[in-house]
């Protein structure tokens, strides 16, 4: 499985890092040796909303080569909603099996058309903005509608990462990852994609 982490200026770092830390453990802890990931963006480096700089590995790659797209949130999403070049680039990932966002990343999915006839969530402060992009806003931390999975506000990113670990590798894997992260708050679910 190939993951594209879609990063941009003025994202919220925890939105990205919380999810990244959990999901990449699928490989580092031996649950999925085939897992790979790329930090993707529209330029060589980006800065989060507080000045952390991240080097981008692939500038504007064709996202159709990835199995999972992950988009964090942050104040930069409000500008990107109106950035046709960014939205068109995001649309190149329309065939990705999984489309996963946290916080206001879901609004970018909405602008790309990925939330048409879908239920979704976002940061509680932005429910009204999200309503124009999806079938229904669900006021919950994680909403799964088919293969589109959206998460609530910032700290939800850790839970969302563990949710994806459970979805992809099962209950025992997520329990071991959760223990390794010393994160007792995630409630194990049992998800089946059949």
C-alpha atoms as a PDB file:
ATOM      1  CA  UNK A   1       0.000   0.000   0.000  1.00  0.00           C
ATOM      2  CA  UNK A   2       1.247   3.467  -0.970  1.00  0.00           C
ATOM      3  CA  UNK A   3       0.237   6.489   1.108  1.00  0.00           C
ATOM      4  CA  UNK A   4       0.388  10.110  -0.038  1.00  0.00           C
ATOM      5  CA  UNK A   5       0.565  12.619   2.795  1.00  0.00           C
ATOM      6  CA  UNK A   6      -0.713  15.876   1.274  1.00  0.00           C
ATOM      7  CA  UNK A   7       1.020  18.750   3.065  1.00  0.00           C
ATOM      8  CA  UNK A   8       0.642  22.502   2.624  1.00  0.00           C
ATOM      9  CA  UNK A   9       1.518  25.842   4.168  1.00  0.00           C
ATOM     10  CA  UNK A  10      -0.338  26.737   7.359  1.00  0.00           C
ATOM     11  CA  UNK A  11      -1.442  23.165   8.046  1.00  0.00           C
ATOM     12  CA  UNK A  12      -1.719  22.146  11.697  1.00  0.00           C
ATOM     13  CA  UNK A  13       1.289  19.948  12.485  1.00  0.00           C
ATOM     14  CA  UNK A  14      -0.522  17.665  14.947  1.00  0.00           C
ATOM     15  CA  UNK A  15      -3.157  16.906  12.308  1.00  0.00           C
ATOM     16  CA  UNK A  16      -0.367  15.383  10.234  1.00  0.00           C
ATOM     17  CA  UNK A  17       1.988  13.978  12.862  1.00  0.00           C
ATOM     18  CA  UNK A  18      -0.644  12.238  14.997  1.00  0.00           C
ATOM     19  CA  UNK A  19      -1.906  10.257  12.014  1.00  0.00           C
ATOM     20  CA  UNK A  20       1.574   9.730  10.517  1.00  0.00           C
ATOM     21  CA  UNK A  21       3.005   8.345  13.759  1.00  0.00           C
ATOM     22  CA  UNK A  22       0.291   5.734  14.144  1.00  0.00           C
ATOM     23  CA  UNK A  23      -0.033   4.615  10.517  1.00  0.00           C
ATOM     24  CA  UNK A  24       3.669   4.336   9.720  1.00  0.00           C
ATOM     25  CA  UNK A  25       4.023   1.954  12.663  1.00  0.00           C
ATOM     26  CA  UNK A  26       2.226  -0.602  10.495  1.00  0.00           C
ATOM     27  CA  UNK A  27       5.557  -0.913   8.683  1.00  0.00           C
ATOM     28  CA  UNK A  28       8.064  -0.125  11.427  1.00  0.00           C
ATOM     29  CA  UNK A  29       6.452  -2.672  13.746  1.00  0.00           C
ATOM     30  CA  UNK A  30       6.257  -5.341  11.016  1.00  0.00           C
ATOM     31  CA  UNK A  31       2.511  -5.491  10.311  1.00  0.00           C
ATOM     32  CA  UNK A  32       2.790  -4.443   6.662  1.00  0.00           C
ATOM     33  CA  UNK A  33       6.220  -4.661   5.036  1.00  0.00           C
ATOM     34  CA  UNK A  34       4.799  -3.386   1.723  1.00  0.00           C
ATOM     35  CA  UNK A  35       3.607  -0.093   3.204  1.00  0.00           C
ATOM     36  CA  UNK A  36       5.316   2.991   1.787  1.00  0.00           C
ATOM     37  CA  UNK A  37       4.623   6.685   2.077  1.00  0.00           C
ATOM     38  CA  UNK A  38       5.531   9.974   0.462  1.00  0.00           C
ATOM     39  CA  UNK A  39       5.341  13.535   1.743  1.00  0.00           C
ATOM     40  CA  UNK A  40       3.668  15.383  -1.134  1.00  0.00           C
ATOM     41  CA  UNK A  41       3.089  19.089  -1.686  1.00  0.00           C
ATOM     42  CA  UNK A  42       2.958  21.841  -4.268  1.00  0.00           C
ATOM     43  CA  UNK A  43       6.505  23.064  -3.526  1.00  0.00           C
ATOM     44  CA  UNK A  44       9.827  21.824  -2.083  1.00  0.00           C
ATOM     45  CA  UNK A  45       9.020  22.659   1.520  1.00  0.00           C
ATOM     46  CA  UNK A  46       6.083  23.872   3.539  1.00  0.00           C
ATOM     47  CA  UNK A  47       5.681  25.560   6.910  1.00  0.00           C
ATOM     48  CA  UNK A  48       2.929  24.732   9.346  1.00  0.00           C
ATOM     49  CA  UNK A  49       0.852  27.416  11.053  1.00  0.00           C
ATOM     50  CA  UNK A  50       3.515  27.942  13.739  1.00  0.00           C
ATOM     51  CA  UNK A  51       6.740  27.804  11.753  1.00  0.00           C
ATOM     52  CA  UNK A  52       7.756  24.141  11.599  1.00  0.00           C
ATOM     53  CA  UNK A  53       9.256  23.518   8.164  1.00  0.00           C
ATOM     54  CA  UNK A  54       8.802  20.182   6.402  1.00  0.00           C
ATOM     55  CA  UNK A  55      10.786  19.045   3.353  1.00  0.00           C
ATOM     56  CA  UNK A  56       8.531  17.664   0.636  1.00  0.00           C
ATOM     57  CA  UNK A  57       9.682  14.448  -1.043  1.00  0.00           C
ATOM     58  CA  UNK A  58       7.546  14.717  -4.201  1.00  0.00           C
ATOM     59  CA  UNK A  59       6.302  18.004  -5.645  1.00  0.00           C
ATOM     60  CA  UNK A  60       2.822  17.687  -7.185  1.00  0.00           C
ATOM     61  CA  UNK A  61       3.098  14.005  -8.150  1.00  0.00           C
ATOM     62  CA  UNK A  62       0.265  12.267  -9.963  1.00  0.00           C
ATOM     63  CA  UNK A  63      -1.789  11.081  -6.992  1.00  0.00           C
ATOM     64  CA  UNK A  64      -3.378   8.249  -8.980  1.00  0.00           C
ATOM     65  CA  UNK A  65      -0.371   6.073  -8.068  1.00  0.00           C
ATOM     66  CA  UNK A  66      -1.372   6.059  -4.375  1.00  0.00           C
ATOM     67  CA  UNK A  67      -3.754   3.752  -2.512  1.00  0.00           C
ATOM     68  CA  UNK A  68      -4.452   6.153   0.353  1.00  0.00           C
ATOM     69  CA  UNK A  69      -4.567   9.946   0.387  1.00  0.00           C
ATOM     70  CA  UNK A  70      -4.280  11.723   3.710  1.00  0.00           C
ATOM     71  CA  UNK A  71      -5.067  15.422   4.064  1.00  0.00           C
ATOM     72  CA  UNK A  72      -4.599  17.271   7.369  1.00  0.00           C
ATOM     73  CA  UNK A  73      -6.357  20.504   8.292  1.00  0.00           C
ATOM     74  CA  UNK A  74      -5.289  23.927   9.427  1.00  0.00           C
ATOM     75  CA  UNK A  75      -5.866  27.539   8.500  1.00  0.00           C
ATOM     76  CA  UNK A  76      -4.226  26.967   5.109  1.00  0.00           C
ATOM     77  CA  UNK A  77      -7.255  24.967   3.997  1.00  0.00           C
ATOM     78  CA  UNK A  78      -9.397  28.113   3.737  1.00  0.00           C
ATOM     79  CA  UNK A  79      -7.065  29.559   1.094  1.00  0.00           C
ATOM     80  CA  UNK A  80      -6.620  26.251  -0.743  1.00  0.00           C
ATOM     81  CA  UNK A  81     -10.393  25.943  -1.197  1.00  0.00           C
ATOM     82  CA  UNK A  82     -10.037  28.671  -3.814  1.00  0.00           C
ATOM     83  CA  UNK A  83      -6.725  27.492  -5.292  1.00  0.00           C
ATOM     84  CA  UNK A  84      -7.745  25.769  -8.515  1.00  0.00           C
ATOM     85  CA  UNK A  85      -4.243  24.399  -9.145  1.00  0.00           C
ATOM     86  CA  UNK A  86      -4.186  22.667  -5.741  1.00  0.00           C
ATOM     87  CA  UNK A  87      -7.744  21.315  -6.090  1.00  0.00           C
ATOM     88  CA  UNK A  88      -7.034  19.982  -9.600  1.00  0.00           C
ATOM     89  CA  UNK A  89      -3.905  18.283  -8.264  1.00  0.00           C
ATOM     90  CA  UNK A  90      -5.891  16.732  -5.411  1.00  0.00           C
ATOM     91  CA  UNK A  91      -8.411  15.415  -7.952  1.00  0.00           C
ATOM     92  CA  UNK A  92      -5.661  13.326  -9.574  1.00  0.00           C
ATOM     93  CA  UNK A  93      -6.117  11.045  -6.544  1.00  0.00           C
ATOM     94  CA  UNK A  94      -9.818  10.478  -7.175  1.00  0.00           C
ATOM     95  CA  UNK A  95      -9.273   6.752  -7.773  1.00  0.00           C
ATOM     96  CA  UNK A  96      -7.319   6.168  -4.538  1.00  0.00           C
ATOM     97  CA  UNK A  97      -8.990   3.395  -2.574  1.00  0.00           C
ATOM     98  CA  UNK A  98      -8.940   5.331   0.695  1.00  0.00           C
ATOM     99  CA  UNK A  99      -9.414   9.062   1.115  1.00  0.00           C
ATOM    100  CA  UNK A 100      -8.680  10.065   4.704  1.00  0.00           C
ATOM    101  CA  UNK A 101      -8.718  13.533   6.241  1.00  0.00           C
ATOM    102  CA  UNK A 102      -8.647  15.086   9.659  1.00  0.00           C
ATOM    103  CA  UNK A 103      -9.948  18.448  10.809  1.00  0.00           C
ATOM    104  CA  UNK A 104     -10.574  20.867   7.932  1.00  0.00           C
ATOM    105  CA  UNK A 105      -8.801  18.581   5.468  1.00  0.00           C
ATOM    106  CA  UNK A 106     -12.311  17.263   4.781  1.00  0.00           C
ATOM    107  CA  UNK A 107     -13.239  20.649   3.323  1.00  0.00           C
ATOM    108  CA  UNK A 108     -10.513  20.192   0.709  1.00  0.00           C
ATOM    109  CA  UNK A 109     -11.936  16.760  -0.071  1.00  0.00           C
ATOM    110  CA  UNK A 110     -15.295  18.465  -0.470  1.00  0.00           C
ATOM    111  CA  UNK A 111     -13.872  21.053  -2.871  1.00  0.00           C
ATOM    112  CA  UNK A 112     -12.371  18.194  -4.918  1.00  0.00           C
ATOM    113  CA  UNK A 113     -15.780  16.483  -5.107  1.00  0.00           C
ATOM    114  CA  UNK A 114     -14.779  13.507  -2.941  1.00  0.00           C
ATOM    115  CA  UNK A 115     -17.641  14.087  -0.461  1.00  0.00           C
ATOM    116  CA  UNK A 116     -20.494  14.117  -2.970  1.00  0.00           C
ATOM    117  CA  UNK A 117     -23.327  12.028  -1.456  1.00  0.00           C
ATOM    118  CA  UNK A 118     -21.102  11.236   1.551  1.00  0.00           C
ATOM    119  CA  UNK A 119     -21.404  11.755   5.296  1.00  0.00           C
ATOM    120  CA  UNK A 120     -18.380  13.475   6.813  1.00  0.00           C
ATOM    121  CA  UNK A 121     -17.013  15.388   9.779  1.00  0.00           C
ATOM    122  CA  UNK A 122     -14.473  18.124  10.471  1.00  0.00           C
ATOM    123  CA  UNK A 123     -13.352  20.402  13.295  1.00  0.00           C
ATOM    124  CA  UNK A 124     -16.499  21.345  15.274  1.00  0.00           C
ATOM    125  CA  UNK A 125     -15.903  25.044  14.519  1.00  0.00           C
ATOM    126  CA  UNK A 126     -16.278  24.359  10.782  1.00  0.00           C
ATOM    127  CA  UNK A 127     -19.384  22.142  10.588  1.00  0.00           C
ATOM    128  CA  UNK A 128     -21.275  24.910   8.788  1.00  0.00           C
ATOM    129  CA  UNK A 129     -18.579  25.283   6.132  1.00  0.00           C
ATOM    130  CA  UNK A 130     -18.492  21.526   5.538  1.00  0.00           C
ATOM    131  CA  UNK A 131     -22.280  21.293   5.067  1.00  0.00           C
ATOM    132  CA  UNK A 132     -22.090  22.749   1.559  1.00  0.00           C
ATOM    133  CA  UNK A 133     -19.727  19.968   0.439  1.00  0.00           C
ATOM    134  CA  UNK A 134     -21.312  16.751   1.696  1.00  0.00           C
ATOM    135  CA  UNK A 135     -24.593  14.912   2.092  1.00  0.00           C
ATOM    136  CA  UNK A 136     -24.594  15.211   5.876  1.00  0.00           C
ATOM    137  CA  UNK A 137     -22.262  16.473   8.590  1.00  0.00           C
ATOM    138  CA  UNK A 138     -21.942  13.950  11.407  1.00  0.00           C
ATOM    139  CA  UNK A 139     -20.828  15.523  14.670  1.00  0.00           C
ATOM    140  CA  UNK A 140     -18.478  12.723  15.678  1.00  0.00           C
ATOM    141  CA  UNK A 141     -14.724  12.188  15.936  1.00  0.00           C
ATOM    142  CA  UNK A 142     -14.468   9.666  13.086  1.00  0.00           C
ATOM    143  CA  UNK A 143     -16.908   9.161  10.233  1.00  0.00           C
ATOM    144  CA  UNK A 144     -16.481   6.336   7.721  1.00  0.00           C
ATOM    145  CA  UNK A 145     -18.656   6.451   4.607  1.00  0.00           C
ATOM    146  CA  UNK A 146     -17.426   3.705   2.336  1.00  0.00           C
ATOM    147  CA  UNK A 147     -13.751   4.315   1.692  1.00  0.00           C
ATOM    148  CA  UNK A 148     -13.922   8.012   2.598  1.00  0.00           C
ATOM    149  CA  UNK A 149     -12.929   8.496   6.228  1.00  0.00           C
ATOM    150  CA  UNK A 150     -12.954  11.888   7.925  1.00  0.00           C
ATOM    151  CA  UNK A 151     -11.865  12.900  11.403  1.00  0.00           C
ATOM    152  CA  UNK A 152     -12.787  15.750  13.725  1.00  0.00           C
ATOM    153  CA  UNK A 153     -10.484  18.359  15.256  1.00  0.00           C
ATOM    154  CA  UNK A 154      -6.733  18.313  15.730  1.00  0.00           C
ATOM    155  CA  UNK A 155      -6.110  15.626  18.395  1.00  0.00           C
ATOM    156  CA  UNK A 156      -8.485  13.288  16.567  1.00  0.00           C
ATOM    157  CA  UNK A 157      -5.554  12.616  14.246  1.00  0.00           C
ATOM    158  CA  UNK A 158      -4.073  10.061  16.662  1.00  0.00           C
ATOM    159  CA  UNK A 159      -7.377   8.192  16.967  1.00  0.00           C
ATOM    160  CA  UNK A 160      -7.855   8.362  13.200  1.00  0.00           C
ATOM    161  CA  UNK A 161      -4.404   6.894  12.628  1.00  0.00           C
ATOM    162  CA  UNK A 162      -5.189   4.028  14.990  1.00  0.00           C
ATOM    163  CA  UNK A 163      -8.566   3.559  13.306  1.00  0.00           C
ATOM    164  CA  UNK A 164      -6.783   3.110   9.959  1.00  0.00           C
ATOM    165  CA  UNK A 165      -4.309   0.691  11.575  1.00  0.00           C
ATOM    166  CA  UNK A 166      -7.226  -1.389  12.811  1.00  0.00           C
ATOM    167  CA  UNK A 167      -8.986  -1.187   9.461  1.00  0.00           C
ATOM    168  CA  UNK A 168      -5.898  -2.320   7.544  1.00  0.00           C
ATOM    169  CA  UNK A 169      -4.255  -4.745   9.964  1.00  0.00           C
ATOM    170  CA  UNK A 170      -6.877  -5.806  12.499  1.00  0.00           C
ATOM    171  CA  UNK A 171      -7.509  -5.739  16.214  1.00  0.00           C
ATOM    172  CA  UNK A 172      -4.296  -7.329  17.483  1.00  0.00           C
ATOM    173  CA  UNK A 173      -2.126  -5.003  15.411  1.00  0.00           C
ATOM    174  CA  UNK A 174      -3.875  -1.866  16.622  1.00  0.00           C
ATOM    175  CA  UNK A 175      -3.701  -3.009  20.240  1.00  0.00           C
ATOM    176  CA  UNK A 176       0.072  -3.507  19.948  1.00  0.00           C
ATOM    177  CA  UNK A 177       0.557  -0.162  18.179  1.00  0.00           C
ATOM    178  CA  UNK A 178      -1.600   1.595  20.761  1.00  0.00           C
ATOM    179  CA  UNK A 179       0.455   0.063  23.572  1.00  0.00           C
ATOM    180  CA  UNK A 180       3.738   1.031  21.891  1.00  0.00           C
ATOM    181  CA  UNK A 181       2.472   4.621  21.550  1.00  0.00           C
ATOM    182  CA  UNK A 182       1.347   4.583  25.213  1.00  0.00           C
ATOM    183  CA  UNK A 183      -1.997   5.950  24.044  1.00  0.00           C
ATOM    184  CA  UNK A 184      -4.857   4.495  26.146  1.00  0.00           C
ATOM    185  CA  UNK A 185      -7.707   6.584  24.702  1.00  0.00           C
ATOM    186  CA  UNK A 186      -8.485   4.808  21.432  1.00  0.00           C
ATOM    187  CA  UNK A 187     -11.462   2.460  21.627  1.00  0.00           C
ATOM    188  CA  UNK A 188     -10.886  -0.646  19.519  1.00  0.00           C
ATOM    189  CA  UNK A 189     -13.660  -1.290  17.034  1.00  0.00           C
ATOM    190  CA  UNK A 190     -13.843  -4.224  14.641  1.00  0.00           C
ATOM    191  CA  UNK A 191     -14.033  -3.121  11.029  1.00  0.00           C
ATOM    192  CA  UNK A 192     -14.670  -5.320   8.063  1.00  0.00           C
ATOM    193  CA  UNK A 193     -14.544  -4.039   4.483  1.00  0.00           C
ATOM    194  CA  UNK A 194     -16.607  -6.860   2.970  1.00  0.00           C
END
